[in-house]
Amino acid sequence: MRSTKSQPWRPLTSKCCSADDHIIFRSFSRCRPSKSEFSKNIAPMPSFRKFSLSDISRSSSARINEDLAQSFGQDLYDFQLGELRAITQNFSSNFLLGEGGFGRVHKGYVDDSLRPGLKAQPVAVKLLDIEGLQGHREWLAEVIFLGQLRHPNLVKLIGYCCEDEERLLVYEFMPRGSLENHLFKRLSISLPWGTRLKIAIGAAKGLAFLHGAENPVIYRDFKTSNVLLDSDFNAKLSDFGLAKMGPEGSNTHVTTRVMGTYGYAAPEYVSTGHLTTKSDIYSFGVVLLELLTGRRAMDKKRPKNEQNLVDWARPYLISSRRLRCIMDPRLAGQYSVKGVKGMGLLAQQCVSLNPKDRPKMPAIIETLESLQNLKDMAVTCGQWPGSPKSGRYVGPPNRMRRENGFGCKSAAAVAAASPRSK
């Protein structure tokens, strides 16, 4: 949904953002809670006040750095481009972690002599593709949101670099990479069921933190590639370039340009541009389906009726008997039957076409946590081909998928047999 057409970026002396897409806030100092505000609550939620980017000039990188330094002080480090070149060996391809729509990400190493108070550690350095106005806007959105938001399930922003036309971000290094890589890379070891559930809970807590702010933050781009994993497979949300402040006062939604990723975006947002926290809930439901099935949200390589994961999976979500037909074969029955049924029903609620029917994040977390520690594994309950009680064997996982060896009907047949279709 992001526009692929770009033009060379040039510094502007006018307002940074157009009025049709208020992506950030009004002034740095006002959006950060004071010490007195923090003392009112033991665990205060973040509080934001909208401001336009007209207060932050793009005509001078020095002015931008000055404004950011005044706003965040020692919370974020202002790095020089030369320093980031040094810690990544001049952005060597040997240090390349990945590349996406926003640019390349390299691994780097900082020592405790680089900045006072900065401990020695590996970091991830993102070089934003700054071509076009949106590149600078998303860089600034990332700095502002992650400069203020701190939570165990949000990736930590360590610092930034704004030098001439270069825009870089420095994050904590996430050694396990993205959830996308673990689910869909053929060479990766399949994630166990318990780990998938743990990741879902961690990601849900990250979204709950954003939605629970005094003025809710809408993430707008929740997907597997933006869920990063630390060494213990704790999930942390990354990439806040598209994040938006939620509706204020009596407003029920934010109207904005449709941006995000096909397959994850809520249908009402795509059709109307009306954005709410329920848009994030839909995206979360899509990721739950990816965790269950091992399939991508949108896969053009599959038959036409299987390309959109939500449309394909929806008929199977009403019972555990049907749900086993679409379970990720790489799990090989090593999952809780009750757990899968619970997650399937939750996913069904999250991707409801009616936003009002989608649950809120606290209820989602409660449901997912209730599914932990269940021991009724499908392979020992006779609900997986080749399990001891079933006495059947269809072959290796890839053959199961080709032959539909679960004894299941096609999605069309399942939908036709559903009471709702009659």
Foldseek 3Di string as FASTA:
>chain_A
DDDPDFAADDFDQAFLDDPQAQFAAQALQVQADDPVVCVVDVDAAGGGHHRGRRVQGRNDLVSNVVRLCVRQPQLADADEPVVVCVQQVNVDPVQWPDADPFGTKGKGWDPCVPDPPDHTAIKIKGWGPQTHSLNVLLLVQQCRVLSRDDDPQAWHWHYWYRDDSTTMTITHDAVQAWQCCQLAPPPHQHDAQQLLLQQLLLNLVQLQSQCPHPFHKAQLADDRNQWTQHPVSRTHGDRSSRIHTFDDDPDPFRAHDRDYDPLQFAPVCVVGSTDHNLRVLLSSLLRLLCSFQSDDCADPVDPPCPRHPCSQCLLQLPALLSSVLRGHLSNQQRYASVLSNLSSVLSNQSNDNDSVSHDHSVVVSVSSVVSPPHDRTRLQVLQGAPRPVVPHHQDHSVSCNVVSPSPHDGSVVSVCPDPVND
